[in-house]
Amino acid sequence: MSLDALFQPFEFKSLKLPNRVVMAPMTRSFSPGGVPTDEVAAYYRRRAENLARRRRQG
């Protein structure tokens, strides 16, 4: 089974993604009433930045 499709651009309505690799929400239990806080947004920002940095390093 080829994984090539995971790395192809994907569009659904107004959503346009460079690939089909996404990160599941893992901090819902930390969000009061299920509403993300600024700390949760900062957590995901750090994760995304670290992932981008690793991808550039190869």
N, C-alpha and C. Protein backbone atom coordinates (compact mmCIF):
# COMPACT_ATOMS: atom_id res chain seq x y z
N MET A 1 0.84 -1.18 0.00
CA MET A 1 0.00 0.00 0.00
C MET A 1 0.89 1.24 0.00
N SER A 2 0.70 2.12 -0.94
CA SER A 2 1.49 3.34 -1.05
C SER A 2 0.94 4.44 -0.15
N LEU A 3 1.85 5.18 0.44
CA LEU A 3 1.46 6.30 1.29
C LEU A 3 1.55 7.63 0.55
N ASP A 4 1.80 7.59 -0.75
CA ASP A 4 1.96 8.81 -1.54
C ASP A 4 0.77 9.76 -1.42
N ALA A 5 -0.43 9.22 -1.33
CA ALA A 5 -1.63 10.07 -1.26
C ALA A 5 -1.62 10.95 -0.01
N LEU A 6 -0.95 10.51 1.06
CA LEU A 6 -0.89 11.31 2.28
C LEU A 6 -0.16 12.63 2.08
N PHE A 7 0.73 12.66 1.10
CA PHE A 7 1.58 13.83 0.90
C PHE A 7 1.16 14.68 -0.30
N GLN A 8 -0.01 14.42 -0.82
CA GLN A 8 -0.55 15.20 -1.92
C GLN A 8 -1.47 16.29 -1.38
N PRO A 9 -1.56 17.43 -2.07
CA PRO A 9 -2.49 18.49 -1.62
C PRO A 9 -3.91 17.96 -1.53
N PHE A 10 -4.67 18.53 -0.61
CA PHE A 10 -6.04 18.11 -0.36
C PHE A 10 -6.92 19.33 -0.23
N GLU A 11 -8.08 19.31 -0.87
CA GLU A 11 -9.04 20.41 -0.77
C GLU A 11 -10.41 19.87 -0.44
N PHE A 12 -11.09 20.56 0.49
CA PHE A 12 -12.46 20.24 0.84
C PHE A 12 -13.16 21.55 1.12
N LYS A 13 -14.08 21.91 0.26
CA LYS A 13 -14.76 23.20 0.35
C LYS A 13 -13.72 24.31 0.40
N SER A 14 -13.70 25.12 1.45
CA SER A 14 -12.73 26.22 1.50
C SER A 14 -11.42 25.81 2.18
N LEU A 15 -11.33 24.58 2.66
CA LEU A 15 -10.13 24.09 3.33
C LEU A 15 -9.13 23.61 2.29
N LYS A 16 -7.92 24.15 2.33
CA LYS A 16 -6.86 23.72 1.41
C LYS A 16 -5.64 23.35 2.24
N LEU A 17 -5.23 22.09 2.13
CA LEU A 17 -4.09 21.59 2.90
C LEU A 17 -2.98 21.17 1.95
N PRO A 18 -1.71 21.36 2.34
CA PRO A 18 -0.60 20.94 1.48
C PRO A 18 -0.45 19.42 1.45
N ASN A 19 -1.03 18.72 2.44
CA ASN A 19 -0.99 17.26 2.49
C ASN A 19 -2.12 16.79 3.41
N ARG A 20 -2.21 15.50 3.63
CA ARG A 20 -3.29 14.95 4.47
C ARG A 20 -2.82 14.58 5.87
N VAL A 21 -1.66 15.06 6.24
CA VAL A 21 -1.11 14.78 7.56
C VAL A 21 -1.57 15.87 8.51
N VAL A 22 -2.31 15.50 9.54
CA VAL A 22 -2.82 16.47 10.50
C VAL A 22 -2.53 15.99 11.92
N MET A 23 -2.60 16.90 12.87
CA MET A 23 -2.36 16.56 14.26
C MET A 23 -3.70 16.55 14.99
N ALA A 24 -3.99 15.45 15.64
CA ALA A 24 -5.24 15.34 16.38
C ALA A 24 -5.22 16.25 17.61
N PRO A 25 -6.38 16.76 18.01
CA PRO A 25 -6.44 17.59 19.21
C PRO A 25 -6.22 16.71 20.45
N MET A 26 -5.13 16.98 21.16
CA MET A 26 -4.79 16.14 22.30
C MET A 26 -4.93 16.88 23.62
N THR A 27 -5.41 18.10 23.61
CA THR A 27 -5.46 18.89 24.85
C THR A 27 -6.89 19.26 25.24
N ARG A 28 -7.87 18.59 24.70
CA ARG A 28 -9.26 18.94 25.00
C ARG A 28 -9.55 18.84 26.49
N SER A 29 -8.92 17.92 27.18
CA SER A 29 -9.18 17.78 28.61
C SER A 29 -8.61 18.95 29.41
N PHE A 30 -7.69 19.71 28.82
CA PHE A 30 -7.11 20.88 29.50
C PHE A 30 -7.91 22.15 29.24
N SER A 31 -8.90 22.08 28.39
CA SER A 31 -9.67 23.26 28.00
C SER A 31 -10.97 23.31 28.81
N PRO A 32 -11.15 24.37 29.60
CA PRO A 32 -12.38 24.47 30.40
C PRO A 32 -13.62 24.49 29.50
N GLY A 33 -14.53 23.58 29.75
CA GLY A 33 -15.75 23.52 28.95
C GLY A 33 -15.51 23.16 27.49
N GLY A 34 -14.32 22.60 27.20
CA GLY A 34 -14.00 22.22 25.82
C GLY A 34 -13.60 23.38 24.95
N VAL A 35 -13.43 24.57 25.53
CA VAL A 35 -13.04 25.76 24.76
C VAL A 35 -11.54 25.99 24.96
N PRO A 36 -10.75 25.97 23.87
CA PRO A 36 -9.31 26.13 24.00
C PRO A 36 -8.92 27.51 24.56
N THR A 37 -7.90 27.51 25.37
CA THR A 37 -7.39 28.75 25.95
C THR A 37 -6.17 29.22 25.15
N ASP A 38 -5.65 30.38 25.51
CA ASP A 38 -4.44 30.87 24.85
C ASP A 38 -3.27 29.92 25.07
N GLU A 39 -3.22 29.28 26.23
CA GLU A 39 -2.14 28.32 26.51
C GLU A 39 -2.21 27.12 25.58
N VAL A 40 -3.41 26.67 25.29
CA VAL A 40 -3.58 25.54 24.36
C VAL A 40 -3.12 25.95 22.96
N ALA A 41 -3.50 27.15 22.52
CA ALA A 41 -3.06 27.63 21.21
C ALA A 41 -1.54 27.73 21.15
N ALA A 42 -0.92 28.19 22.23
CA ALA A 42 0.54 28.30 22.28
C ALA A 42 1.18 26.91 22.21
N TYR A 43 0.56 25.92 22.85
CA TYR A 43 1.07 24.55 22.80
C TYR A 43 1.09 24.04 21.36
N TYR A 44 -0.01 24.21 20.64
CA TYR A 44 -0.06 23.74 19.25
C TYR A 44 0.89 24.53 18.37
N ARG A 45 1.06 25.81 18.64
CA ARG A 45 2.00 26.63 17.87
C ARG A 45 3.42 26.07 18.05
N ARG A 46 3.80 25.77 19.29
CA ARG A 46 5.13 25.21 19.54
C ARG A 46 5.30 23.86 18.83
N ARG A 47 4.28 23.03 18.88
CA ARG A 47 4.36 21.73 18.19
C ARG A 47 4.55 21.90 16.70
N ALA A 48 3.79 22.81 16.10
CA ALA A 48 3.89 23.04 14.66
C ALA A 48 5.25 23.62 14.29
N GLU A 49 5.74 24.55 15.10
CA GLU A 49 7.05 25.14 14.82
C GLU A 49 8.15 24.09 14.92
N ASN A 50 8.08 23.23 15.91
CA ASN A 50 9.08 22.17 16.06
C ASN A 50 9.03 21.19 14.90
N LEU A 51 7.84 20.84 14.45
CA LEU A 51 7.69 19.94 13.31
C LEU A 51 8.28 20.58 12.06
N ALA A 52 7.97 21.84 11.82
CA ALA A 52 8.50 22.54 10.65
C ALA A 52 10.03 22.60 10.71
N ARG A 53 10.56 22.85 11.87
CA ARG A 53 12.02 22.92 12.03
C ARG A 53 12.66 21.57 11.72
N ARG A 54 12.07 20.48 12.20
CA ARG A 54 12.62 19.15 11.92
C ARG A 54 12.53 18.82 10.44
N ARG A 55 11.45 19.22 9.78
CA ARG A 55 11.31 18.92 8.36
C ARG A 55 12.35 19.66 7.53
N ARG A 56 12.67 20.90 7.92
CA ARG A 56 13.69 21.66 7.20
C ARG A 56 15.07 21.05 7.39
N GLN A 57 15.32 20.48 8.55
CA GLN A 57 16.63 19.89 8.84
C GLN A 57 16.82 18.56 8.09
N GLY A 58 15.71 17.99 7.66
CA GLY A 58 15.77 16.76 6.87
C GLY A 58 15.86 15.58 7.71
